[in-house]
Amino acid sequence: MLNLNKAKTFIFSGAAALGLAIAAPAAVANDFVNISFDDLDFGDEDFLQKLIEMDAEDIADMRAEMADARAEILDAISEIQEARAEAEANPETRTVIEAALAAASAAVTSATNSAFEKVREELDEAEIELAATDVSAEEKTETQGAIAAVREELAGIEAAVGELVAAMKA
């Protein structure tokens, strides 16, 4: 039989898990469908032009913003580990927490896989369009560097999201 404290813990954790299971797909979809870093909006019709206009400072700012995003993901992993530790202290909530994390991991995986694929496709298209764009050779080289920087940083974000999903599934 559950005592009052355990019952409250179970109810609160159940409500939190339900909220997480419902909110996670919406939050993830909102965050990843409209990916944007330092005013560089993926999916924008002026995407290539914005890449062309990027200078070394803009690229450094974008890298810093992506580093912040990776740090936030690492913070989320720590929070997941703390939730698991708390669940270990309250075995009644463990199943609920695990179910919520499983639902959240599925939502994150689904949303990020399609979003990252979309961004890679847009970068590929930008490279093709760049070759046909009438800009100087120096500008093409700089823009190619910006595209390479975006690809590199995106790979870092993708790896961090992979770690987040693995933490949710652990």
Protein backbone atom coordinates (compact mmCIF):
# COMPACT_ATOMS: atom_id res chain seq x y z
CA MET A 1 0.00 0.00 0.00
CA LEU A 2 1.27 3.46 -0.89
CA ASN A 3 1.75 6.00 1.85
CA LEU A 4 0.68 9.63 1.26
CA ASN A 5 4.16 10.90 0.29
CA LYS A 6 4.69 8.09 -2.18
CA ALA A 7 1.24 8.66 -3.66
CA LYS A 8 1.94 12.36 -4.12
CA THR A 9 5.30 11.60 -5.70
CA PHE A 10 3.67 9.13 -8.05
CA ILE A 11 0.90 11.57 -9.03
CA PHE A 12 3.31 14.45 -9.57
CA SER A 13 5.74 12.36 -11.55
CA GLY A 14 2.90 10.96 -13.63
CA ALA A 15 1.65 14.46 -14.39
CA ALA A 16 5.17 15.61 -15.24
CA ALA A 17 5.77 12.61 -17.47
CA LEU A 18 2.47 13.12 -19.24
CA GLY A 19 3.31 16.78 -19.74
CA LEU A 20 6.74 15.87 -21.06
CA ALA A 21 5.34 13.24 -23.39
CA ILE A 22 2.81 15.71 -24.78
CA ALA A 23 5.02 18.80 -24.83
CA ALA A 24 8.23 17.23 -26.12
CA PRO A 25 7.06 16.57 -29.68
CA ALA A 26 5.62 20.08 -29.98
CA ALA A 27 8.70 21.74 -28.54
CA VAL A 28 11.05 19.68 -30.63
CA ALA A 29 9.09 20.28 -33.80
CA ASN A 30 9.06 24.01 -33.13
CA ASP A 31 12.79 24.17 -32.32
CA PHE A 32 14.05 22.02 -35.15
CA VAL A 33 11.68 22.75 -38.02
CA ASN A 34 12.71 26.40 -37.99
CA ILE A 35 16.44 26.07 -37.43
CA SER A 36 18.21 29.40 -37.26
CA PHE A 37 21.62 30.48 -36.06
CA ASP A 38 22.80 34.08 -35.90
CA ASP A 39 20.18 35.30 -38.41
CA LEU A 40 21.04 32.47 -40.80
CA ASP A 41 17.63 30.91 -41.35
CA PHE A 42 17.58 27.52 -42.99
CA GLY A 43 14.67 27.43 -45.39
CA ASP A 44 14.87 31.16 -46.13
CA GLU A 45 14.71 32.05 -49.82
CA ASP A 46 17.70 34.39 -49.28
CA PHE A 47 19.75 31.62 -47.67
CA LEU A 48 22.56 31.68 -50.24
CA GLN A 49 22.72 35.48 -50.19
CA LYS A 50 23.07 35.43 -46.41
CA LEU A 51 25.87 32.89 -46.71
CA ILE A 52 27.60 35.11 -49.28
CA GLU A 53 27.30 38.10 -46.94
CA MET A 54 28.83 36.25 -43.98
CA ASP A 55 32.27 37.43 -42.94
CA ALA A 56 34.73 35.95 -40.45
CA GLU A 57 33.00 37.69 -37.52
CA ASP A 58 29.60 36.35 -38.58
CA ILE A 59 31.02 32.84 -38.80
CA ALA A 60 32.60 33.20 -35.34
CA ASP A 61 29.25 34.41 -33.95
CA MET A 62 27.46 31.46 -35.56
CA ARG A 63 30.02 29.03 -34.12
CA ALA A 64 29.55 30.58 -30.66
CA GLU A 65 25.77 30.24 -30.93
CA MET A 66 26.08 26.61 -31.97
CA ALA A 67 28.49 26.00 -29.08
CA ASP A 68 25.84 27.45 -26.75
CA ALA A 69 23.27 25.09 -28.27
CA ARG A 70 25.57 22.14 -27.64
CA ALA A 71 26.07 23.30 -24.04
CA GLU A 72 22.30 23.47 -23.56
CA ILE A 73 21.99 19.93 -24.86
CA LEU A 74 24.67 18.78 -22.39
CA ASP A 75 22.71 20.52 -19.61
CA ALA A 76 19.61 18.60 -20.68
CA ILE A 77 21.60 15.36 -20.47
CA SER A 78 22.60 16.25 -16.90
CA GLU A 79 18.96 16.93 -16.04
CA ILE A 80 17.99 13.55 -17.46
CA GLN A 81 20.63 11.87 -15.34
CA GLU A 82 19.34 13.71 -12.25
CA ALA A 83 15.76 12.63 -13.03
CA ARG A 84 16.91 9.04 -13.33
CA ALA A 85 18.75 9.27 -10.00
CA GLU A 86 15.60 10.64 -8.35
CA ALA A 87 13.57 7.87 -9.95
CA GLU A 88 15.93 5.32 -8.43
CA ALA A 89 15.09 6.77 -5.02
CA ASN A 90 11.36 6.39 -5.78
CA PRO A 91 10.84 3.07 -7.56
CA GLU A 92 7.14 3.85 -8.04
CA THR A 93 8.04 6.67 -10.42
CA ARG A 94 10.77 4.87 -12.35
CA THR A 95 8.40 3.35 -14.93
CA VAL A 96 6.68 6.67 -15.52
CA ILE A 97 9.98 8.54 -15.96
CA GLU A 98 11.29 5.86 -18.32
CA ALA A 99 8.10 5.99 -20.40
CA ALA A 100 8.28 9.78 -20.63
CA LEU A 101 11.93 9.66 -21.68
CA ALA A 102 11.19 6.98 -24.28
CA ALA A 103 8.43 9.15 -25.77
CA ALA A 104 10.65 12.21 -25.71
CA SER A 105 13.57 10.35 -27.33
CA ALA A 106 11.33 9.15 -30.15
CA ALA A 107 10.06 12.70 -30.73
CA VAL A 108 13.56 14.17 -30.69
CA THR A 109 14.87 11.51 -33.06
CA SER A 110 12.04 11.95 -35.52
CA ALA A 111 12.16 15.75 -35.57
CA THR A 112 15.93 16.11 -35.66
CA ASN A 113 16.56 13.48 -38.32
CA SER A 114 14.27 15.23 -40.76
CA ALA A 115 15.48 18.70 -39.79
CA PHE A 116 19.16 17.83 -40.15
CA GLU A 117 18.48 16.18 -43.49
CA LYS A 118 16.64 19.29 -44.67
CA VAL A 119 19.53 21.54 -43.64
CA ARG A 120 22.07 19.30 -45.41
CA GLU A 121 19.92 19.43 -48.57
CA GLU A 122 19.75 23.23 -48.36
CA LEU A 123 23.52 23.44 -47.95
CA ASP A 124 23.95 21.17 -51.00
CA GLU A 125 21.60 23.41 -53.00
CA ALA A 126 23.46 26.53 -51.84
CA GLU A 127 26.75 25.04 -53.09
CA ILE A 128 25.21 24.28 -56.48
CA GLU A 129 23.68 27.77 -56.72
CA LEU A 130 26.95 29.35 -55.60
CA ALA A 131 28.78 27.80 -58.55
CA ALA A 132 26.32 29.52 -60.91
CA THR A 133 26.26 32.84 -59.03
CA ASP A 134 28.09 35.85 -60.41
CA VAL A 135 30.43 36.70 -57.54
CA SER A 136 34.20 37.00 -57.39
CA ALA A 137 36.40 33.94 -56.89
CA GLU A 138 37.37 35.33 -53.50
CA GLU A 139 33.70 35.66 -52.50
CA LYS A 140 33.01 32.10 -53.66
CA THR A 141 35.92 30.84 -51.57
CA GLU A 142 34.69 32.75 -48.50
CA THR A 143 31.15 31.48 -49.01
CA GLN A 144 32.41 27.92 -49.43
CA GLY A 145 34.20 28.41 -46.09
CA ALA A 146 30.95 29.60 -44.50
CA ILE A 147 29.13 26.53 -45.85
CA ALA A 148 31.89 24.28 -44.52
CA ALA A 149 31.65 25.97 -41.10
CA VAL A 150 27.88 25.45 -41.02
CA ARG A 151 28.33 21.78 -41.94
CA GLU A 152 30.97 21.31 -39.24
CA GLU A 153 28.91 22.97 -36.54
CA LEU A 154 25.78 21.15 -37.62
CA ALA A 155 27.63 17.85 -37.26
CA GLY A 156 28.53 18.87 -33.70
CA ILE A 157 24.91 19.67 -32.90
CA GLU A 158 23.83 16.40 -34.46
CA ALA A 159 26.35 14.48 -32.33
CA ALA A 160 25.16 16.27 -29.18
CA VAL A 161 21.53 15.44 -30.01
CA GLY A 162 22.62 11.81 -30.48
CA GLU A 163 24.10 11.88 -26.99
CA LEU A 164 20.86 13.38 -25.66
CA VAL A 165 18.78 10.63 -27.27
CA ALA A 166 21.17 7.98 -25.94
CA ALA A 167 20.81 9.47 -22.44
CA MET A 168 17.04 9.33 -22.77
CA LYS A 169 17.18 5.68 -23.81
CA ALA A 170 19.78 4.60 -21.21
